[in-house]
Amino acid sequence: MFNESAILINLLKVKPEEQDALIALLKQTTDTVIRTLNGWKTTRLIAAEDGASVVIYSEWETPEAVEAMRRDPRMQAYFPKVLDLASLDSTVDSAVFSETR
């Protein structure tokens, strides 16, 4: 089984007119908080063309690193700001296959 990282997938449903504000908030938080946390490897933001959702794809060293991020006081302060703009569905998974060209 392929398993290099804990993969955190967040699906945020947003009103199209709020998508840009949500992306700006997510970028700011990634730049100022996420990238400073132990175990973080990468984050990608994926915006739906219709403006109705944003996916956050993040790789972490372990599931414990994801849980530590969620408990970080800076992240605790950030979550309500996200929920003011969007609904959130989240899952932590493992990669089972990857192919790169």
Protein backbone atom coordinates (compact mmCIF):
# COMPACT_ATOMS: atom_id res chain seq x y z
CA MET A 1 0.00 0.00 0.00
CA PHE A 2 1.28 3.46 -0.96
CA ASN A 3 1.37 5.76 2.06
CA GLU A 4 3.86 8.64 2.27
CA SER A 5 1.72 11.25 4.03
CA ALA A 6 -1.48 12.03 5.83
CA ILE A 7 -3.65 13.82 3.30
CA LEU A 8 -6.16 16.36 4.58
CA ILE A 9 -8.97 17.18 2.16
CA ASN A 10 -11.30 20.07 3.02
CA LEU A 11 -14.31 20.80 0.83
CA LEU A 12 -15.66 24.29 1.41
CA LYS A 13 -19.02 25.26 -0.08
CA VAL A 14 -19.23 29.00 -0.62
CA LYS A 15 -21.46 31.57 -2.28
CA PRO A 16 -19.82 32.47 -5.61
CA GLU A 17 -19.53 36.12 -4.61
CA GLU A 18 -17.56 35.06 -1.48
CA GLN A 19 -15.09 32.69 -3.20
CA ASP A 20 -12.36 35.32 -3.72
CA ALA A 21 -12.55 36.42 -0.07
CA LEU A 22 -12.37 32.80 1.07
CA ILE A 23 -9.33 32.09 -1.12
CA ALA A 24 -7.58 35.22 0.19
CA LEU A 25 -8.21 34.10 3.79
CA LEU A 26 -6.96 30.58 3.05
CA LYS A 27 -3.81 31.90 1.36
CA GLN A 28 -3.10 34.26 4.26
CA THR A 29 -3.53 31.51 6.83
CA THR A 30 -1.34 29.12 4.85
CA ASP A 31 1.40 31.77 4.57
CA THR A 32 1.28 32.93 8.20
CA VAL A 33 0.29 29.83 10.19
CA ILE A 34 0.12 26.52 8.31
CA ARG A 35 3.62 26.70 6.84
CA THR A 36 5.08 27.24 10.34
CA LEU A 37 3.57 24.07 11.82
CA ASN A 38 5.50 20.86 12.41
CA GLY A 39 4.65 18.09 9.99
CA TRP A 40 3.25 20.29 7.20
CA LYS A 41 4.45 19.36 3.71
CA THR A 42 2.28 21.08 1.08
CA THR A 43 -1.06 22.78 0.46
CA ARG A 44 -2.99 23.32 -2.75
CA LEU A 45 -6.14 25.40 -3.11
CA ILE A 46 -8.48 24.31 -5.90
CA ALA A 47 -11.26 26.71 -6.88
CA ALA A 48 -14.40 25.59 -8.69
CA GLU A 49 -14.95 27.52 -11.90
CA ASP A 50 -18.58 28.20 -10.91
CA GLY A 51 -17.39 29.87 -7.69
CA ALA A 52 -19.41 27.56 -5.44
CA SER A 53 -16.59 25.67 -3.75
CA VAL A 54 -12.92 25.52 -2.84
CA VAL A 55 -10.97 22.36 -2.08
CA ILE A 56 -7.95 22.46 0.20
CA TYR A 57 -5.53 19.59 -0.43
CA SER A 58 -2.82 19.40 2.23
CA GLU A 59 -0.15 16.82 2.90
CA TRP A 60 1.17 16.29 6.41
CA GLU A 61 3.81 13.91 7.74
CA THR A 62 1.35 12.08 10.04
CA PRO A 63 -2.29 12.15 11.13
CA GLU A 64 -1.02 13.40 14.50
CA ALA A 65 0.44 16.47 12.77
CA VAL A 66 -3.04 17.22 11.37
CA GLU A 67 -4.57 16.94 14.83
CA ALA A 68 -1.87 19.19 16.30
CA MET A 69 -2.65 21.78 13.62
CA ARG A 70 -6.35 21.65 14.50
CA ARG A 71 -5.53 22.24 18.19
CA ASP A 72 -3.12 25.12 17.53
CA PRO A 73 -4.56 28.33 19.08
CA ARG A 74 -3.85 30.30 15.89
CA MET A 75 -5.90 27.80 13.89
CA GLN A 76 -8.66 27.83 16.52
CA ALA A 77 -8.93 31.60 15.94
CA TYR A 78 -8.98 31.11 12.15
CA PHE A 79 -11.73 28.45 11.89
CA PRO A 80 -14.66 30.79 12.74
CA LYS A 81 -13.54 33.20 10.01
CA VAL A 82 -13.68 30.39 7.46
CA LEU A 83 -17.09 29.25 8.70
CA ASP A 84 -18.40 32.80 8.30
CA LEU A 85 -17.73 32.42 4.57
CA ALA A 86 -18.31 28.73 3.86
CA SER A 87 -19.49 25.36 5.10
CA LEU A 88 -16.77 22.78 5.68
CA ASP A 89 -16.47 19.03 5.18
CA SER A 90 -13.11 17.50 6.12
CA THR A 91 -11.38 14.11 5.92
CA VAL A 92 -7.89 12.78 6.64
CA ASP A 93 -6.82 10.00 4.29
CA SER A 94 -3.81 8.10 2.98
CA ALA A 95 -2.62 7.95 -0.60
CA VAL A 96 -2.98 4.51 -2.16
CA PHE A 97 -1.72 5.38 -5.66
CA SER A 98 0.18 8.20 -7.29
CA GLU A 99 1.58 8.67 -10.76
CA THR A 100 3.51 11.63 -12.08
CA ARG A 101 4.62 12.41 -15.56
